[in-house]
Amino acid sequence: MNTLSRKPSTRLVVISSNLPSEQLLANAVQPNCGLIVYDYENTTPDSLLNQIQSTLNNSSVDSIAFIDHGEPGEFCLTKNTDVSQEALDKAETGVADFFSGVSQLVAEDGRVDLLACNLYASPDGKKLVKNLEALTNTNFAASDNLTGKNGDWNLESDDVDLMAIYFEPKLLQPWASKYHAQRGGNDE
């Protein structure tokens, strides 16, 4: 899979190929947002950070949104790297270094948005977000319920309306329809 990049003005959206029909989702990203669609199977945290730094030309943006699957207390980053409190605590996973690097690309008073279903729905998820913030001195926002199709487009931890800042609502409809069909009409 080839990666796709588009230079940002004030925000960057980072979409994993682990999502179904990720190109339809990428098509719905607002034109004022930078865009990276990366290969979930073959990307490492280091290579993803390098791609983000290159796309941003080492300048900062108001927010960076990561989009992939999640569950209470954990979300997918790459095939070999899930982000959880356990992974954050283990230096060899590279999770702490990855988010420390990402935070250097977020403007002061900016935010990292984690678009992963239910990440913030458990004490472990709340602890993970709190510890990412403490590690990076950067605000992180996450969802405590389904995000996207048959969910909402809000990050409840910080009351962030994702539609207002990242997506064109009409352009999301084809992705939501295809996602629903790929899951056999079942979103659980």
N, C-alpha and C. Protein backbone atom coordinates (compact mmCIF):
# COMPACT_ATOMS: atom_id res chain seq x y z
N MET A 1 0.83 -1.17 0.00
CA MET A 1 0.00 0.00 0.00
C MET A 1 0.88 1.24 0.00
N ASN A 2 0.56 2.20 -0.86
CA ASN A 2 1.27 3.47 -0.88
C ASN A 2 0.68 4.38 0.18
N THR A 3 1.53 5.19 0.78
CA THR A 3 1.03 6.17 1.73
C THR A 3 0.65 7.43 0.97
N LEU A 4 -0.24 8.19 1.55
CA LEU A 4 -0.71 9.42 0.96
C LEU A 4 -0.43 10.54 1.93
N SER A 5 0.09 11.65 1.44
CA SER A 5 0.32 12.81 2.29
C SER A 5 -0.19 14.06 1.60
N ARG A 6 -0.72 14.98 2.40
CA ARG A 6 -1.15 16.30 1.93
C ARG A 6 -0.71 17.28 2.99
N LYS A 7 -0.08 18.35 2.59
CA LYS A 7 0.43 19.36 3.52
C LYS A 7 -0.72 20.05 4.24
N PRO A 8 -0.54 20.33 5.54
CA PRO A 8 -1.60 20.97 6.32
C PRO A 8 -1.47 22.48 6.37
N SER A 9 -2.53 23.13 6.82
CA SER A 9 -2.43 24.53 7.19
C SER A 9 -2.37 24.63 8.71
N THR A 10 -3.38 24.10 9.40
CA THR A 10 -3.38 24.21 10.87
C THR A 10 -3.62 22.88 11.58
N ARG A 11 -4.02 21.85 10.85
CA ARG A 11 -4.34 20.57 11.47
C ARG A 11 -3.83 19.43 10.59
N LEU A 12 -3.59 18.29 11.22
CA LEU A 12 -3.13 17.12 10.49
C LEU A 12 -3.98 15.93 10.91
N VAL A 13 -4.45 15.15 9.94
CA VAL A 13 -5.21 13.93 10.17
C VAL A 13 -4.36 12.75 9.71
N VAL A 14 -4.18 11.78 10.60
CA VAL A 14 -3.34 10.61 10.34
C VAL A 14 -4.24 9.38 10.40
N ILE A 15 -4.46 8.75 9.24
CA ILE A 15 -5.41 7.64 9.11
C ILE A 15 -4.67 6.34 8.84
N SER A 16 -5.00 5.32 9.61
CA SER A 16 -4.42 3.99 9.45
C SER A 16 -5.15 3.21 8.37
N SER A 17 -4.37 2.44 7.60
CA SER A 17 -4.99 1.54 6.61
C SER A 17 -5.67 0.35 7.28
N ASN A 18 -5.58 0.26 8.60
CA ASN A 18 -6.26 -0.78 9.36
C ASN A 18 -7.78 -0.58 9.34
N LEU A 19 -8.21 0.61 9.00
CA LEU A 19 -9.64 0.91 8.92
C LEU A 19 -10.19 0.48 7.57
N PRO A 20 -11.43 0.03 7.52
CA PRO A 20 -12.01 -0.33 6.23
C PRO A 20 -12.22 0.93 5.38
N SER A 21 -11.94 0.81 4.11
CA SER A 21 -12.18 1.90 3.15
C SER A 21 -11.55 3.21 3.61
N GLU A 22 -10.32 3.12 4.05
CA GLU A 22 -9.65 4.30 4.59
C GLU A 22 -9.54 5.44 3.57
N GLN A 23 -9.51 5.10 2.27
CA GLN A 23 -9.43 6.16 1.26
C GLN A 23 -10.72 6.98 1.21
N LEU A 24 -11.88 6.33 1.41
CA LEU A 24 -13.13 7.08 1.47
C LEU A 24 -13.14 8.01 2.68
N LEU A 25 -12.60 7.56 3.79
CA LEU A 25 -12.49 8.40 4.98
C LEU A 25 -11.54 9.56 4.69
N ALA A 26 -10.43 9.29 4.05
CA ALA A 26 -9.47 10.35 3.69
C ALA A 26 -10.12 11.40 2.79
N ASN A 27 -10.99 10.96 1.88
CA ASN A 27 -11.67 11.90 0.98
C ASN A 27 -12.57 12.88 1.73
N ALA A 28 -12.98 12.52 2.94
CA ALA A 28 -13.88 13.37 3.72
C ALA A 28 -13.15 14.38 4.59
N VAL A 29 -11.83 14.31 4.64
CA VAL A 29 -11.06 15.25 5.45
C VAL A 29 -11.13 16.64 4.82
N GLN A 30 -11.38 17.63 5.65
CA GLN A 30 -11.48 19.01 5.17
C GLN A 30 -10.20 19.41 4.45
N PRO A 31 -10.32 20.24 3.39
CA PRO A 31 -9.15 20.60 2.59
C PRO A 31 -8.11 21.43 3.36
N ASN A 32 -8.50 22.08 4.44
CA ASN A 32 -7.53 22.87 5.21
C ASN A 32 -6.70 22.02 6.16
N CYS A 33 -6.97 20.72 6.20
CA CYS A 33 -6.23 19.80 7.06
C CYS A 33 -5.18 19.05 6.24
N GLY A 34 -4.02 18.88 6.81
CA GLY A 34 -3.05 17.98 6.21
C GLY A 34 -3.54 16.56 6.38
N LEU A 35 -3.00 15.66 5.59
CA LEU A 35 -3.49 14.28 5.59
C LEU A 35 -2.35 13.31 5.38
N ILE A 36 -2.34 12.27 6.19
CA ILE A 36 -1.46 11.13 5.99
C ILE A 36 -2.32 9.88 6.11
N VAL A 37 -2.25 9.01 5.12
CA VAL A 37 -2.82 7.67 5.21
C VAL A 37 -1.63 6.73 5.17
N TYR A 38 -1.46 5.96 6.23
CA TYR A 38 -0.26 5.13 6.33
C TYR A 38 -0.59 3.65 6.33
N ASP A 39 0.40 2.86 5.97
CA ASP A 39 0.28 1.41 5.86
C ASP A 39 0.43 0.79 7.25
N TYR A 40 -0.67 0.39 7.84
CA TYR A 40 -0.71 -0.20 9.18
C TYR A 40 0.20 -1.42 9.30
N GLU A 41 0.23 -2.24 8.27
CA GLU A 41 0.97 -3.50 8.31
C GLU A 41 2.48 -3.31 8.33
N ASN A 42 2.98 -2.29 7.64
CA ASN A 42 4.42 -2.17 7.43
C ASN A 42 5.04 -0.92 8.04
N THR A 43 4.29 -0.16 8.77
CA THR A 43 4.80 1.07 9.37
C THR A 43 5.19 0.79 10.82
N THR A 44 6.25 1.42 11.26
CA THR A 44 6.66 1.37 12.66
C THR A 44 6.37 2.74 13.28
N PRO A 45 6.33 2.84 14.59
CA PRO A 45 6.18 4.16 15.19
C PRO A 45 7.25 5.15 14.72
N ASP A 46 8.50 4.70 14.60
CA ASP A 46 9.57 5.59 14.13
C ASP A 46 9.32 6.08 12.71
N SER A 47 8.94 5.16 11.82
CA SER A 47 8.71 5.58 10.43
C SER A 47 7.47 6.48 10.32
N LEU A 48 6.46 6.23 11.15
CA LEU A 48 5.29 7.11 11.13
C LEU A 48 5.65 8.49 11.64
N LEU A 49 6.43 8.57 12.71
CA LEU A 49 6.87 9.87 13.21
C LEU A 49 7.68 10.60 12.14
N ASN A 50 8.57 9.89 11.45
CA ASN A 50 9.34 10.52 10.38
C ASN A 50 8.44 11.06 9.28
N GLN A 51 7.39 10.30 8.95
CA GLN A 51 6.46 10.75 7.91
C GLN A 51 5.70 11.99 8.36
N ILE A 52 5.29 12.02 9.62
CA ILE A 52 4.59 13.20 10.15
C ILE A 52 5.53 14.41 10.14
N GLN A 53 6.76 14.22 10.61
CA GLN A 53 7.73 15.33 10.62
C GLN A 53 7.98 15.85 9.21
N SER A 54 8.11 14.94 8.26
CA SER A 54 8.34 15.34 6.87
C SER A 54 7.14 16.09 6.30
N THR A 55 5.94 15.57 6.55
CA THR A 55 4.73 16.22 6.04
C THR A 55 4.59 17.63 6.61
N LEU A 56 4.92 17.78 7.88
CA LEU A 56 4.80 19.09 8.54
C LEU A 56 6.04 19.95 8.33
N ASN A 57 7.06 19.39 7.69
CA ASN A 57 8.32 20.10 7.50
C ASN A 57 8.83 20.63 8.84
N ASN A 58 8.64 19.80 9.88
CA ASN A 58 9.05 20.11 11.25
C ASN A 58 8.46 21.40 11.81
N SER A 59 7.35 21.85 11.23
CA SER A 59 6.63 22.99 11.81
C SER A 59 5.46 22.47 12.63
N SER A 60 4.83 23.33 13.41
CA SER A 60 3.76 22.87 14.30
C SER A 60 2.38 23.16 13.74
N VAL A 61 1.42 22.39 14.22
CA VAL A 61 0.01 22.57 13.86
C VAL A 61 -0.81 22.65 15.15
N ASP A 62 -2.06 23.11 15.02
CA ASP A 62 -2.94 23.23 16.19
C ASP A 62 -3.36 21.89 16.75
N SER A 63 -3.51 20.91 15.85
CA SER A 63 -3.90 19.58 16.34
C SER A 63 -3.47 18.52 15.35
N ILE A 64 -3.26 17.33 15.90
CA ILE A 64 -2.98 16.14 15.10
C ILE A 64 -3.97 15.07 15.55
N ALA A 65 -4.70 14.51 14.59
CA ALA A 65 -5.69 13.47 14.88
C ALA A 65 -5.20 12.13 14.36
N PHE A 66 -5.22 11.12 15.22
CA PHE A 66 -4.89 9.75 14.84
C PHE A 66 -6.18 8.94 14.80
N ILE A 67 -6.39 8.21 13.68
CA ILE A 67 -7.63 7.47 13.51
C ILE A 67 -7.34 6.00 13.27
N ASP A 68 -7.82 5.17 14.20
CA ASP A 68 -7.73 3.71 14.07
C ASP A 68 -8.68 3.08 15.09
N HIS A 69 -8.71 1.78 15.12
CA HIS A 69 -9.59 1.06 16.05
C HIS A 69 -9.12 1.22 17.49
N GLY A 70 -10.08 1.13 18.40
CA GLY A 70 -9.76 1.19 19.81
C GLY A 70 -10.73 0.39 20.64
N GLU A 71 -10.40 0.31 21.89
CA GLU A 71 -11.25 -0.33 22.89
C GLU A 71 -10.91 0.34 24.21
N PRO A 72 -11.67 0.11 25.26
CA PRO A 72 -11.37 0.79 26.52
C PRO A 72 -9.90 0.59 26.94
N GLY A 73 -9.19 1.70 27.05
CA GLY A 73 -7.82 1.68 27.53
C GLY A 73 -6.74 1.40 26.51
N GLU A 74 -7.11 1.25 25.23
CA GLU A 74 -6.12 0.83 24.24
C GLU A 74 -6.56 1.21 22.83
N PHE A 75 -5.60 1.53 21.96
CA PHE A 75 -5.92 1.72 20.56
C PHE A 75 -4.76 1.26 19.68
N CYS A 76 -5.09 0.99 18.42
CA CYS A 76 -4.12 0.49 17.46
C CYS A 76 -3.31 1.66 16.89
N LEU A 77 -2.01 1.48 16.78
CA LEU A 77 -1.17 2.46 16.08
C LEU A 77 -0.58 1.82 14.84
N THR A 78 0.13 0.71 15.01
CA THR A 78 0.66 -0.07 13.89
C THR A 78 0.42 -1.55 14.19
N LYS A 79 0.71 -2.39 13.20
CA LYS A 79 0.46 -3.83 13.38
C LYS A 79 1.15 -4.36 14.64
N ASN A 80 2.33 -3.89 14.92
CA ASN A 80 3.09 -4.40 16.05
C ASN A 80 3.09 -3.47 17.26
N THR A 81 2.28 -2.41 17.21
CA THR A 81 2.27 -1.44 18.31
C THR A 81 0.85 -0.99 18.63
N ASP A 82 0.30 -1.53 19.71
CA ASP A 82 -0.93 -1.00 20.27
C ASP A 82 -0.53 -0.02 21.37
N VAL A 83 -1.31 1.01 21.54
CA VAL A 83 -1.03 2.01 22.56
C VAL A 83 -1.91 1.75 23.76
N SER A 84 -1.27 1.50 24.90
CA SER A 84 -1.94 1.24 26.17
C SER A 84 -1.02 1.75 27.26
N GLN A 85 -1.50 1.74 28.49
CA GLN A 85 -0.64 2.15 29.60
C GLN A 85 0.57 1.22 29.70
N GLU A 86 0.34 -0.06 29.52
CA GLU A 86 1.44 -1.03 29.58
C GLU A 86 2.50 -0.71 28.53
N ALA A 87 2.06 -0.43 27.29
CA ALA A 87 3.01 -0.10 26.23
C ALA A 87 3.73 1.22 26.51
N LEU A 88 3.02 2.18 27.07
CA LEU A 88 3.63 3.47 27.41
C LEU A 88 4.74 3.29 28.44
N ASP A 89 4.54 2.36 29.35
CA ASP A 89 5.51 2.11 30.43
C ASP A 89 6.75 1.35 29.97
N LYS A 90 6.69 0.67 28.83
CA LYS A 90 7.81 -0.14 28.35
C LYS A 90 8.59 0.63 27.28
N ALA A 91 9.80 1.00 27.59
CA ALA A 91 10.62 1.79 26.66
C ALA A 91 10.79 1.11 25.31
N GLU A 92 10.90 -0.22 25.31
CA GLU A 92 11.18 -0.93 24.06
C GLU A 92 10.04 -0.85 23.04
N THR A 93 8.83 -0.48 23.47
CA THR A 93 7.73 -0.37 22.50
C THR A 93 7.86 0.88 21.65
N GLY A 94 8.54 1.89 22.14
CA GLY A 94 8.69 3.14 21.40
C GLY A 94 7.50 4.07 21.51
N VAL A 95 6.47 3.69 22.26
CA VAL A 95 5.25 4.50 22.36
C VAL A 95 5.54 5.85 23.01
N ALA A 96 6.28 5.86 24.10
CA ALA A 96 6.59 7.12 24.78
C ALA A 96 7.41 8.03 23.87
N ASP A 97 8.41 7.47 23.20
CA ASP A 97 9.22 8.28 22.28
C ASP A 97 8.39 8.81 21.12
N PHE A 98 7.48 7.97 20.60
CA PHE A 98 6.63 8.39 19.49
C PHE A 98 5.80 9.61 19.89
N PHE A 99 5.08 9.51 21.00
CA PHE A 99 4.21 10.63 21.39
C PHE A 99 4.99 11.84 21.88
N SER A 100 6.18 11.63 22.42
CA SER A 100 7.04 12.77 22.75
C SER A 100 7.42 13.51 21.47
N GLY A 101 7.75 12.77 20.42
CA GLY A 101 8.06 13.39 19.13
C GLY A 101 6.87 14.08 18.51
N VAL A 102 5.71 13.44 18.57
CA VAL A 102 4.48 14.05 18.03
C VAL A 102 4.18 15.36 18.75
N SER A 103 4.33 15.36 20.07
CA SER A 103 3.99 16.56 20.85
C SER A 103 4.85 17.76 20.46
N GLN A 104 6.05 17.51 19.97
CA GLN A 104 6.93 18.60 19.53
C GLN A 104 6.39 19.29 18.27
N LEU A 105 5.44 18.65 17.61
CA LEU A 105 4.86 19.19 16.37
C LEU A 105 3.49 19.83 16.59
N VAL A 106 3.06 19.86 17.84
CA VAL A 106 1.77 20.47 18.19
C VAL A 106 2.05 21.83 18.83
N ALA A 107 1.33 22.85 18.35
CA ALA A 107 1.52 24.20 18.86
C ALA A 107 1.21 24.29 20.35
N GLU A 108 1.79 25.28 21.00
CA GLU A 108 1.45 25.52 22.40
C GLU A 108 -0.06 25.71 22.48
N ASP A 109 -0.70 25.13 23.47
CA ASP A 109 -2.15 25.13 23.62
C ASP A 109 -2.84 24.30 22.54
N GLY A 110 -2.08 23.47 21.81
CA GLY A 110 -2.66 22.59 20.81
C GLY A 110 -3.09 21.28 21.45
N ARG A 111 -3.40 20.28 20.59
CA ARG A 111 -3.99 19.05 21.11
C ARG A 111 -3.69 17.88 20.16
N VAL A 112 -3.58 16.69 20.75
CA VAL A 112 -3.53 15.44 19.99
C VAL A 112 -4.87 14.76 20.20
N ASP A 113 -5.57 14.46 19.10
CA ASP A 113 -6.89 13.83 19.15
C ASP A 113 -6.77 12.36 18.77
N LEU A 114 -7.28 11.50 19.64
CA LEU A 114 -7.21 10.05 19.44
C LEU A 114 -8.60 9.54 19.08
N LEU A 115 -8.85 9.36 17.78
CA LEU A 115 -10.14 8.91 17.29
C LEU A 115 -10.15 7.39 17.26
N ALA A 116 -10.45 6.81 18.41
CA ALA A 116 -10.48 5.36 18.57
C ALA A 116 -11.65 5.04 19.50
N CYS A 117 -12.54 4.21 19.06
CA CYS A 117 -13.74 3.91 19.83
C CYS A 117 -13.42 3.50 21.27
N ASN A 118 -14.15 4.09 22.18
CA ASN A 118 -14.16 3.67 23.59
C ASN A 118 -12.83 3.80 24.34
N LEU A 119 -11.83 4.41 23.76
CA LEU A 119 -10.52 4.50 24.42
C LEU A 119 -10.64 5.08 25.82
N TYR A 120 -11.45 6.12 25.98
CA TYR A 120 -11.56 6.85 27.24
C TYR A 120 -12.67 6.30 28.14
N ALA A 121 -13.21 5.13 27.81
CA ALA A 121 -14.37 4.58 28.51
C ALA A 121 -14.03 3.79 29.76
N SER A 122 -12.77 3.68 30.09
CA SER A 122 -12.38 2.90 31.26
C SER A 122 -11.38 3.68 32.10
N PRO A 123 -11.19 3.27 33.34
CA PRO A 123 -10.14 3.91 34.15
C PRO A 123 -8.76 3.80 33.50
N ASP A 124 -8.48 2.67 32.84
CA ASP A 124 -7.20 2.52 32.15
C ASP A 124 -7.04 3.54 31.02
N GLY A 125 -8.13 3.78 30.29
CA GLY A 125 -8.09 4.77 29.21
C GLY A 125 -7.88 6.17 29.73
N LYS A 126 -8.57 6.50 30.81
CA LYS A 126 -8.39 7.82 31.42
C LYS A 126 -6.96 7.99 31.94
N LYS A 127 -6.42 6.93 32.52
CA LYS A 127 -5.04 6.96 33.02
C LYS A 127 -4.06 7.12 31.85
N LEU A 128 -4.29 6.41 30.77
CA LEU A 128 -3.43 6.51 29.60
C LEU A 128 -3.40 7.95 29.08
N VAL A 129 -4.57 8.56 28.90
CA VAL A 129 -4.63 9.93 28.40
C VAL A 129 -3.93 10.88 29.37
N LYS A 130 -4.20 10.74 30.65
CA LYS A 130 -3.55 11.58 31.66
C LYS A 130 -2.03 11.43 31.62
N ASN A 131 -1.55 10.20 31.49
CA ASN A 131 -0.12 9.97 31.47
C ASN A 131 0.54 10.42 30.17
N LEU A 132 -0.17 10.31 29.05
CA LEU A 132 0.35 10.89 27.79
C LEU A 132 0.50 12.40 27.94
N GLU A 133 -0.49 13.03 28.56
CA GLU A 133 -0.43 14.48 28.77
C GLU A 133 0.74 14.84 29.67
N ALA A 134 0.93 14.09 30.75
CA ALA A 134 2.03 14.37 31.68
C ALA A 134 3.39 14.16 31.01
N LEU A 135 3.52 13.11 30.22
CA LEU A 135 4.77 12.81 29.52
C LEU A 135 5.14 13.89 28.53
N THR A 136 4.13 14.40 27.80
CA THR A 136 4.40 15.28 26.66
C THR A 136 4.11 16.75 26.92
N ASN A 137 3.45 17.04 28.04
CA ASN A 137 3.01 18.42 28.32
C ASN A 137 2.13 18.95 27.19
N THR A 138 1.32 18.06 26.65
CA THR A 138 0.41 18.37 25.54
C THR A 138 -0.96 17.82 25.88
N ASN A 139 -2.02 18.53 25.50
CA ASN A 139 -3.38 18.07 25.72
C ASN A 139 -3.71 16.93 24.77
N PHE A 140 -4.33 15.86 25.30
CA PHE A 140 -4.82 14.75 24.50
C PHE A 140 -6.32 14.65 24.71
N ALA A 141 -7.06 14.32 23.65
CA ALA A 141 -8.50 14.14 23.74
C ALA A 141 -8.85 12.76 23.19
N ALA A 142 -9.88 12.13 23.81
CA ALA A 142 -10.28 10.78 23.41
C ALA A 142 -11.77 10.59 23.63
N SER A 143 -12.29 9.50 23.06
CA SER A 143 -13.72 9.21 23.11
C SER A 143 -14.03 8.12 24.14
N ASP A 144 -15.19 8.28 24.78
CA ASP A 144 -15.63 7.27 25.74
C ASP A 144 -16.75 6.39 25.19
N ASN A 145 -16.99 6.47 23.86
CA ASN A 145 -18.02 5.65 23.24
C ASN A 145 -17.63 5.38 21.79
N LEU A 146 -18.56 4.84 21.01
CA LEU A 146 -18.28 4.59 19.59
C LEU A 146 -18.02 5.91 18.89
N THR A 147 -17.02 5.91 18.04
CA THR A 147 -16.66 7.09 17.25
C THR A 147 -16.85 6.73 15.79
N GLY A 148 -17.55 7.58 15.06
CA GLY A 148 -17.76 7.33 13.64
C GLY A 148 -19.09 6.67 13.37
N LYS A 149 -19.11 5.71 12.46
CA LYS A 149 -20.35 5.06 12.04
C LYS A 149 -21.08 4.46 13.23
N ASN A 150 -22.35 4.83 13.37
CA ASN A 150 -23.23 4.42 14.47
C ASN A 150 -22.70 4.85 15.83
N GLY A 151 -21.84 5.83 15.81
CA GLY A 151 -21.36 6.47 17.02
C GLY A 151 -21.50 7.96 16.80
N ASP A 152 -20.74 8.71 17.53
CA ASP A 152 -20.75 10.15 17.30
C ASP A 152 -19.38 10.57 16.82
N TRP A 153 -19.25 11.82 16.54
CA TRP A 153 -17.99 12.39 16.08
C TRP A 153 -17.48 13.39 17.12
N ASN A 154 -17.53 12.96 18.38
CA ASN A 154 -17.08 13.81 19.49
C ASN A 154 -16.04 13.08 20.30
N LEU A 155 -15.12 13.85 20.87
CA LEU A 155 -14.18 13.32 21.84
C LEU A 155 -14.61 13.87 23.19
N GLU A 156 -15.27 13.00 23.94
CA GLU A 156 -15.95 13.43 25.16
C GLU A 156 -14.99 13.93 26.25
N SER A 157 -13.75 13.48 26.25
CA SER A 157 -12.81 13.91 27.30
C SER A 157 -12.63 15.42 27.31
N ASP A 158 -12.72 16.04 26.11
CA ASP A 158 -12.49 17.48 25.99
C ASP A 158 -13.60 18.19 25.22
N ASP A 159 -14.71 17.50 24.98
CA ASP A 159 -15.84 18.06 24.23
C ASP A 159 -15.40 18.61 22.87
N VAL A 160 -14.69 17.78 22.11
CA VAL A 160 -14.20 18.16 20.79
C VAL A 160 -15.18 17.66 19.73
N ASP A 161 -15.66 18.56 18.89
CA ASP A 161 -16.54 18.24 17.77
C ASP A 161 -15.67 17.98 16.55
N LEU A 162 -15.47 16.71 16.22
CA LEU A 162 -14.58 16.34 15.14
C LEU A 162 -15.07 16.80 13.77
N MET A 163 -16.39 16.82 13.59
CA MET A 163 -16.95 17.27 12.31
C MET A 163 -16.58 18.72 12.04
N ALA A 164 -16.60 19.52 13.06
CA ALA A 164 -16.33 20.95 12.88
C ALA A 164 -14.88 21.23 12.48
N ILE A 165 -13.96 20.37 12.90
CA ILE A 165 -12.56 20.71 12.64
C ILE A 165 -11.84 19.81 11.65
N TYR A 166 -12.36 18.61 11.39
CA TYR A 166 -11.63 17.68 10.52
C TYR A 166 -12.37 17.20 9.27
N PHE A 167 -13.70 17.09 9.30
CA PHE A 167 -14.41 16.38 8.25
C PHE A 167 -15.50 17.19 7.58
N GLU A 168 -15.76 16.82 6.32
CA GLU A 168 -16.89 17.33 5.55
C GLU A 168 -18.02 16.31 5.71
N PRO A 169 -19.11 16.66 6.44
CA PRO A 169 -20.16 15.67 6.74
C PRO A 169 -20.71 14.93 5.53
N LYS A 170 -20.98 15.61 4.43
CA LYS A 170 -21.54 14.94 3.25
C LYS A 170 -20.57 13.93 2.66
N LEU A 171 -19.28 14.23 2.77
CA LEU A 171 -18.28 13.33 2.21
C LEU A 171 -18.02 12.11 3.09
N LEU A 172 -18.48 12.16 4.33
CA LEU A 172 -18.34 11.00 5.21
C LEU A 172 -19.37 9.92 4.92
N GLN A 173 -20.49 10.29 4.31
CA GLN A 173 -21.57 9.32 4.08
C GLN A 173 -21.13 8.10 3.28
N PRO A 174 -20.35 8.25 2.20
CA PRO A 174 -19.92 7.04 1.48
C PRO A 174 -19.06 6.11 2.35
N TRP A 175 -18.18 6.67 3.19
CA TRP A 175 -17.36 5.85 4.07
C TRP A 175 -18.24 5.12 5.09
N ALA A 176 -19.16 5.85 5.71
CA ALA A 176 -20.03 5.25 6.72
C ALA A 176 -20.86 4.12 6.12
N SER A 177 -21.38 4.31 4.90
CA SER A 177 -22.19 3.28 4.24
C SER A 177 -21.35 2.05 3.93
N LYS A 178 -20.16 2.26 3.39
CA LYS A 178 -19.29 1.13 3.04
C LYS A 178 -18.81 0.41 4.30
N TYR A 179 -18.47 1.15 5.33
CA TYR A 179 -18.03 0.56 6.60
C TYR A 179 -19.13 -0.33 7.16
N HIS A 180 -20.37 0.17 7.14
CA HIS A 180 -21.51 -0.60 7.65
C HIS A 180 -21.69 -1.88 6.83
N ALA A 181 -21.57 -1.77 5.51
CA ALA A 181 -21.75 -2.94 4.64
C ALA A 181 -20.63 -3.96 4.87
N GLN A 182 -19.39 -3.48 5.06
CA GLN A 182 -18.27 -4.41 5.27
C GLN A 182 -18.40 -5.15 6.59
N ARG A 183 -19.10 -4.58 7.53
CA ARG A 183 -19.28 -5.23 8.83
C ARG A 183 -20.57 -6.03 8.84
N GLY A 184 -21.16 -6.27 7.66
CA GLY A 184 -22.36 -7.09 7.55
C GLY A 184 -23.58 -6.43 8.16
N GLY A 185 -23.57 -5.08 8.17
CA GLY A 185 -24.70 -4.36 8.75
C GLY A 185 -24.68 -4.37 10.26
N ASN A 186 -23.60 -4.85 10.85
CA ASN A 186 -23.50 -4.96 12.30
C ASN A 186 -22.30 -4.16 12.77
N ASP A 187 -22.52 -3.26 13.68
CA ASP A 187 -21.43 -2.40 14.17
C ASP A 187 -20.93 -2.81 15.54
N GLU A 188 -21.29 -3.93 16.06
CA GLU A 188 -20.79 -4.38 17.38
C GLU A 188 -19.66 -5.36 17.19
